[in-house]
Amino acid sequence: MGHPAGLIALLHLGRIHDETPALRAFLADRGIASELVPLPSPTDGATTDWGRFDRVSVRDCRESHRHPDFLPRISALAEQLEGLGVPLVNPLPVIQAGHAKSAYLPQLGREGVALIPSRWLPRGWRGSLAALLEACGWGEAVLKPAIGARSWNTYRVRRAGPRLAITAADGSAAVAAADADGWLERLARDGEVCLQRFLPQICQAGELSAVFLGGEFSHAVVKSVAAGGWIAHEGFGGRNRLGKASAADRRWAAAVEERLRRRFGVLPYARIDGIRDEGGELLLLECELVIPRLFLSEGEAFGRYADVLVGPTSTRMAW
């Protein structure tokens, strides 16, 4: 493939991670070239010479949740790359399984990983949101699509007597309570929806993100919520800070990573997010395996990520 130092294609959908320019500069200092390349669509002509690249990364395909054809486009490209002998940094089975939370979280739960209690509503679901909350025994819950990012279409639902209060991630009222069932029905038309018990500890302890690079624990970041908020994201006033993961926190994250390894082999990168319950135990929120922000600046991890970015890729197939 003719590029001993490496030539990496960084696929994108028009918006890249904030940390990517610094990463590209770091790679360049190491003699590793990278190019930002738009993810091709079926209507694009064959304008990219993919054989020039040593490997292709999908981690900058932000906003993929807004592109329903993302997986078909990646699958088509993966087939083309395979014919050229050019690997994806994370192979296609990882992308397919990691893109939708419903494709991997229930399986991890069946393997004994403690998840935040959730109900998965299939595409086209219809019913009573109030009755669903009552059946689950939850006074508060978070409602979100199985495929999403940056709290897109994420809502907090609270039972207030016989009525419901539904607020969007920015704190605004999302919908009149009387229209809650029709509103949820409209959300479910586009895909699976997850109803997840709200954990009030998010407002005090925040969310823990444990980053693994090449199968090894790299660093942890604590994401806090803004005053009066409930979303641990800087886009909604939260803050991210490097955290000193306790031994128990690292054991928890390593146990989740070990189950991912059984399924996929050693992954170049993975971010494992958890929220504490009322007793302080971490429950798994999600595993970001495809397009995660890895907090490379906070963790001073550009070098470690560069090593896995140009190192061996996982080749084990998913179930």
Protein backbone atom coordinates (compact mmCIF):
# COMPACT_ATOMS: atom_id res chain seq x y z
CA MET A 1 0.00 0.00 0.00
CA GLY A 2 2.98 2.24 -0.43
CA HIS A 3 2.75 4.56 2.58
CA PRO A 4 5.04 3.24 5.32
CA ALA A 5 4.19 6.11 7.64
CA GLY A 6 0.48 5.69 6.97
CA LEU A 7 -2.13 7.59 5.02
CA ILE A 8 -5.46 7.65 6.79
CA ALA A 9 -8.83 8.69 5.41
CA LEU A 10 -11.01 10.35 8.03
CA LEU A 11 -14.59 9.94 6.80
CA HIS A 12 -17.06 12.66 7.72
CA LEU A 13 -20.58 13.90 7.04
CA GLY A 14 -19.78 17.60 7.09
CA ARG A 15 -18.94 18.05 10.75
CA ILE A 16 -15.88 16.62 12.51
CA HIS A 17 -14.93 16.24 16.16
CA ASP A 18 -13.53 19.34 17.85
CA GLU A 19 -10.42 17.32 18.75
CA THR A 20 -9.73 16.17 15.18
CA PRO A 21 -7.63 19.19 14.03
CA ALA A 22 -5.29 18.69 16.99
CA LEU A 23 -5.18 14.96 16.27
CA ARG A 24 -4.28 15.57 12.62
CA ALA A 25 -1.49 17.93 13.68
CA PHE A 26 -0.19 15.32 16.10
CA LEU A 27 -0.24 12.66 13.39
CA ALA A 28 1.54 14.96 10.95
CA ASP A 29 4.29 15.53 13.50
CA ARG A 30 4.76 11.76 13.50
CA GLY A 31 4.92 11.64 9.72
CA ILE A 32 1.44 10.19 9.38
CA ALA A 33 -0.70 11.89 6.76
CA SER A 34 -4.48 12.12 7.03
CA GLU A 35 -7.19 13.43 4.76
CA LEU A 36 -10.75 14.44 5.52
CA VAL A 37 -12.94 12.59 3.03
CA PRO A 38 -16.73 12.88 2.74
CA LEU A 39 -18.58 9.61 3.17
CA PRO A 40 -19.73 8.76 -0.36
CA SER A 41 -23.40 8.34 -1.15
CA PRO A 42 -24.87 5.97 -3.77
CA THR A 43 -25.35 8.91 -6.13
CA ASP A 44 -21.70 10.01 -5.94
CA GLY A 45 -19.46 9.12 -8.79
CA ALA A 46 -16.29 7.09 -8.19
CA THR A 47 -14.14 10.14 -7.51
CA THR A 48 -12.05 8.89 -4.57
CA ASP A 49 -9.05 6.64 -5.11
CA TRP A 50 -9.46 4.55 -1.95
CA GLY A 51 -6.42 2.48 -2.83
CA ARG A 52 -4.23 5.44 -1.81
CA PHE A 53 -5.13 4.93 1.83
CA ASP A 54 -3.68 2.52 4.34
CA ARG A 55 -6.89 2.56 6.37
CA VAL A 56 -10.16 4.40 6.75
CA SER A 57 -11.65 5.78 9.97
CA VAL A 58 -15.36 6.43 10.52
CA ARG A 59 -14.99 8.20 13.88
CA ASP A 60 -15.61 11.65 12.42
CA CYS A 61 -18.97 10.76 10.87
CA ARG A 62 -20.81 12.99 13.31
CA GLU A 63 -24.52 13.55 12.82
CA SER A 64 -24.84 10.03 11.41
CA HIS A 65 -28.12 9.72 13.31
CA ARG A 66 -29.55 12.32 10.94
CA HIS A 67 -28.64 10.16 7.94
CA PRO A 68 -30.93 7.10 7.77
CA ASP A 69 -28.78 5.70 4.97
CA PHE A 70 -25.57 5.83 7.02
CA LEU A 71 -25.23 2.06 7.47
CA PRO A 72 -25.98 1.21 3.82
CA ARG A 73 -23.42 3.79 2.72
CA ILE A 74 -20.78 2.42 5.10
CA SER A 75 -21.58 -1.15 4.05
CA ALA A 76 -21.15 -0.31 0.38
CA LEU A 77 -17.85 1.43 1.06
CA ALA A 78 -16.63 -1.45 3.25
CA GLU A 79 -17.24 -3.89 0.39
CA GLN A 80 -15.24 -1.67 -1.95
CA LEU A 81 -12.41 -1.30 0.57
CA GLU A 82 -12.26 -5.03 1.20
CA GLY A 83 -11.63 -5.60 -2.48
CA LEU A 84 -8.71 -3.18 -2.26
CA GLY A 85 -7.29 -4.61 0.95
CA VAL A 86 -7.85 -1.35 2.83
CA PRO A 87 -9.25 -1.93 6.35
CA LEU A 88 -11.70 0.14 8.30
CA VAL A 89 -10.20 1.09 11.66
CA ASN A 90 -13.24 -0.51 13.26
CA PRO A 91 -14.56 -3.29 11.01
CA LEU A 92 -18.07 -3.25 9.62
CA PRO A 93 -19.60 -5.66 12.20
CA VAL A 94 -18.58 -3.29 14.99
CA ILE A 95 -20.11 -0.34 13.16
CA GLN A 96 -23.32 -2.25 12.48
CA ALA A 97 -23.67 -3.46 16.06
CA GLY A 98 -22.54 -0.24 17.71
CA HIS A 99 -24.59 2.24 15.72
CA ALA A 100 -27.90 1.48 17.48
CA LYS A 101 -28.02 1.07 21.25
CA SER A 102 -30.67 -1.62 20.86
CA ALA A 103 -28.21 -3.75 18.87
CA TYR A 104 -25.80 -4.32 21.76
CA LEU A 105 -27.16 -3.11 25.13
CA PRO A 106 -29.81 -5.84 25.61
CA GLN A 107 -27.18 -8.49 24.83
CA LEU A 108 -24.81 -7.04 27.43
CA GLY A 109 -27.68 -7.11 29.92
CA ARG A 110 -28.28 -10.79 29.18
CA GLU A 111 -24.58 -11.39 29.86
CA GLY A 112 -24.92 -9.94 33.34
CA VAL A 113 -23.86 -6.32 32.83
CA ALA A 114 -25.91 -4.06 35.10
CA LEU A 115 -27.75 -1.66 32.81
CA ILE A 116 -29.89 1.34 33.59
CA PRO A 117 -33.39 -0.22 33.61
CA SER A 118 -34.85 0.26 30.12
CA ARG A 119 -37.78 -0.61 27.92
CA TRP A 120 -37.26 -0.80 24.17
CA LEU A 121 -40.19 0.31 22.05
CA PRO A 122 -40.14 -1.02 18.48
CA ARG A 123 -40.62 1.12 15.42
CA GLY A 124 -44.33 1.84 15.02
CA TRP A 125 -45.08 1.42 18.74
CA ARG A 126 -48.44 2.74 19.89
CA GLY A 127 -49.85 2.91 23.40
CA SER A 128 -50.11 4.91 26.60
CA LEU A 129 -46.93 6.54 27.88
CA ALA A 130 -48.46 6.99 31.34
CA ALA A 131 -49.44 3.32 31.48
CA LEU A 132 -45.95 2.32 30.39
CA LEU A 133 -44.35 4.35 33.17
CA GLU A 134 -46.77 2.89 35.69
CA ALA A 135 -46.06 -0.66 34.52
CA CYS A 136 -42.32 -0.02 34.91
CA GLY A 137 -42.84 1.53 38.34
CA TRP A 138 -40.89 4.65 37.43
CA GLY A 139 -41.79 8.15 38.50
CA GLU A 140 -39.32 9.64 36.03
CA ALA A 141 -37.74 8.37 32.84
CA VAL A 142 -35.64 9.49 29.90
CA LEU A 143 -36.97 8.91 26.41
CA LYS A 144 -34.55 8.76 23.48
CA PRO A 145 -34.09 7.11 20.08
CA ALA A 146 -32.02 3.94 19.77
CA ILE A 147 -29.83 5.82 17.29
CA GLY A 148 -28.81 9.28 18.40
CA ALA A 149 -26.06 11.60 19.61
CA ARG A 150 -25.71 14.85 21.56
CA SER A 151 -29.06 14.20 23.30
CA TRP A 152 -30.89 14.49 19.99
CA ASN A 153 -34.63 13.92 20.54
CA THR A 154 -33.97 13.14 24.21
CA TYR A 155 -36.67 14.00 26.73
CA ARG A 156 -37.32 13.73 30.45
CA VAL A 157 -40.74 12.39 31.38
CA ARG A 158 -42.21 12.85 34.88
CA ARG A 159 -45.41 11.57 36.36
CA ALA A 160 -47.21 14.34 38.21
CA GLY A 161 -50.29 12.61 39.56
CA PRO A 162 -52.43 11.53 36.65
CA ARG A 163 -50.59 13.87 34.28
CA LEU A 164 -47.20 13.82 32.61
CA ALA A 165 -44.56 16.55 32.35
CA ILE A 166 -42.28 16.22 29.33
CA THR A 167 -39.23 18.43 28.94
CA ALA A 168 -36.60 18.58 26.22
CA ALA A 169 -32.87 18.43 26.84
CA ASP A 170 -32.68 22.22 26.96
CA GLY A 171 -35.31 22.33 29.73
CA SER A 172 -38.15 23.61 27.57
CA ALA A 173 -41.58 22.01 27.62
CA ALA A 174 -41.62 19.49 24.77
CA VAL A 175 -45.28 18.69 24.34
CA ALA A 176 -48.64 19.19 25.99
CA ALA A 177 -49.37 16.32 28.36
CA ALA A 178 -52.67 15.64 26.63
CA ASP A 179 -50.83 14.82 23.41
CA ALA A 180 -48.15 12.63 25.00
CA ASP A 181 -49.30 9.38 23.41
CA GLY A 182 -49.61 10.85 19.92
CA TRP A 183 -46.25 12.55 20.33
CA LEU A 184 -44.54 9.28 21.31
CA GLU A 185 -46.25 7.51 18.44
CA ARG A 186 -44.77 10.06 16.05
CA LEU A 187 -41.29 9.57 17.56
CA ALA A 188 -41.56 5.80 17.14
CA ARG A 189 -42.45 6.09 13.46
CA ASP A 190 -38.81 6.75 12.61
CA GLY A 191 -37.27 3.90 14.60
CA GLU A 192 -36.85 2.17 17.94
CA VAL A 193 -37.21 4.28 21.07
CA CYS A 194 -35.72 3.63 24.50
CA LEU A 195 -37.52 4.50 27.73
CA GLN A 196 -34.94 4.50 30.53
CA ARG A 197 -35.38 5.05 34.24
CA PHE A 198 -34.14 8.50 35.24
CA LEU A 199 -31.27 8.31 37.74
CA PRO A 200 -31.24 11.44 39.91
CA GLN A 201 -27.55 10.93 40.74
CA ILE A 202 -26.75 12.33 37.30
CA CYS A 203 -27.47 15.77 38.75
CA GLN A 204 -24.91 15.33 41.56
CA ALA A 205 -22.26 12.86 40.42
CA GLY A 206 -22.57 13.36 36.68
CA GLU A 207 -21.68 10.70 34.15
CA LEU A 208 -18.46 8.68 34.01
CA SER A 209 -16.84 8.03 30.63
CA ALA A 210 -14.08 5.42 30.64
CA VAL A 211 -11.95 5.46 27.47
CA PHE A 212 -10.17 2.34 26.25
CA LEU A 213 -7.57 2.47 23.51
CA GLY A 214 -6.31 -0.76 22.00
CA GLY A 215 -8.12 -2.71 24.69
CA GLU A 216 -6.32 -0.90 27.52
CA PHE A 217 -7.80 1.61 29.94
CA SER A 218 -6.54 5.05 28.91
CA HIS A 219 -8.38 7.65 30.99
CA ALA A 220 -11.70 8.61 32.49
CA VAL A 221 -13.70 11.80 32.22
CA VAL A 222 -16.48 12.95 34.51
CA LYS A 223 -19.20 14.84 32.65
CA SER A 224 -21.26 17.10 34.89
CA VAL A 225 -24.62 18.76 34.27
CA ALA A 226 -25.33 22.48 34.38
CA ALA A 227 -27.02 23.96 37.43
CA GLY A 228 -30.65 22.98 37.23
CA GLY A 229 -29.98 20.72 34.25
CA TRP A 230 -30.11 16.97 33.75
CA ILE A 231 -28.03 16.34 30.60
CA ALA A 232 -24.29 15.70 31.06
CA HIS A 233 -23.11 17.43 27.91
CA GLU A 234 -21.26 20.68 27.28
CA GLY A 235 -23.81 21.53 24.63
CA PHE A 236 -26.32 21.96 27.46
CA GLY A 237 -24.04 23.77 29.88
CA GLY A 238 -22.28 20.75 31.35
CA ARG A 239 -18.54 20.44 31.88
CA ASN A 240 -16.00 17.70 31.23
CA ARG A 241 -13.04 17.12 33.51
CA LEU A 242 -10.41 14.46 33.74
CA GLY A 243 -11.45 12.09 36.52
CA LYS A 244 -9.38 9.88 38.76
CA ALA A 245 -11.17 6.59 38.30
CA SER A 246 -11.21 4.53 41.46
CA ALA A 247 -10.12 0.91 41.43
CA ALA A 248 -13.78 -0.11 41.59
CA ASP A 249 -14.65 2.17 38.65
CA ARG A 250 -11.85 0.68 36.57
CA ARG A 251 -12.92 -2.86 37.41
CA TRP A 252 -16.48 -1.99 36.36
CA ALA A 253 -15.35 -0.52 33.04
CA ALA A 254 -12.89 -3.36 32.40
CA ALA A 255 -15.65 -5.94 32.94
CA VAL A 256 -17.77 -4.25 30.26
CA GLU A 257 -14.79 -3.95 27.91
CA GLU A 258 -14.01 -7.64 28.39
CA ARG A 259 -17.49 -8.56 27.16
CA LEU A 260 -17.05 -6.31 24.15
CA ARG A 261 -13.74 -8.03 23.47
CA ARG A 262 -15.39 -11.44 23.49
CA ARG A 263 -17.72 -10.26 20.76
CA PHE A 264 -15.46 -8.10 18.61
CA GLY A 265 -11.87 -8.80 19.57
CA VAL A 266 -9.61 -6.01 20.81
CA LEU A 267 -11.08 -2.69 19.64
CA PRO A 268 -8.94 0.30 18.67
CA TYR A 269 -11.18 2.52 20.77
CA ALA A 270 -14.23 2.32 22.98
CA ARG A 271 -15.92 4.70 25.39
CA ILE A 272 -17.96 3.16 28.19
CA ASP A 273 -20.44 5.51 29.87
CA GLY A 274 -22.08 4.92 33.23
CA ILE A 275 -24.31 6.71 35.73
CA ARG A 276 -24.49 5.87 39.42
CA ASP A 277 -27.67 4.62 41.03
CA GLU A 278 -28.95 5.74 44.41
CA GLY A 279 -26.52 3.35 46.11
CA GLY A 280 -23.50 4.69 44.22
CA GLU A 281 -23.13 1.68 41.93
CA LEU A 282 -22.33 2.35 38.29
CA LEU A 283 -24.93 1.25 35.74
CA LEU A 284 -24.11 1.08 32.06
CA LEU A 285 -25.63 3.89 30.00
CA GLU A 286 -24.04 3.04 26.65
CA CYS A 287 -20.87 1.98 24.86
CA GLU A 288 -19.66 4.40 22.20
CA LEU A 289 -17.87 2.23 19.63
CA VAL A 290 -18.35 4.01 16.31
CA ILE A 291 -18.23 7.84 16.44
CA PRO A 292 -17.31 8.76 20.02
CA ARG A 293 -15.61 11.82 21.30
CA LEU A 294 -12.66 10.30 23.16
CA PHE A 295 -11.61 13.32 25.23
CA LEU A 296 -8.09 13.04 23.87
CA SER A 297 -7.15 16.52 25.08
CA GLU A 298 -8.46 15.97 28.60
CA GLY A 299 -6.71 12.59 28.82
CA GLU A 300 -3.51 13.75 27.07
CA ALA A 301 -4.08 10.69 24.92
CA PHE A 302 -3.24 11.81 21.37
CA GLY A 303 -0.17 9.60 21.35
CA ARG A 304 -2.00 6.54 22.63
CA TYR A 305 -4.77 7.05 20.10
CA ALA A 306 -2.29 7.56 17.26
CA ASP A 307 -0.66 4.23 18.17
CA VAL A 308 -3.92 2.31 17.87
CA LEU A 309 -5.08 4.29 14.85
CA VAL A 310 -2.15 2.99 12.80
CA GLY A 311 -1.91 -0.37 14.61
CA PRO A 312 -3.73 -3.68 14.05
CA THR A 313 -7.48 -3.51 13.52
CA SER A 314 -9.96 -5.91 15.06
CA THR A 315 -10.97 -8.64 12.64
CA ARG A 316 -13.27 -10.79 14.77
CA MET A 317 -16.83 -11.00 13.51
CA ALA A 318 -19.84 -10.11 15.64
CA TRP A 319 -22.46 -12.68 16.59
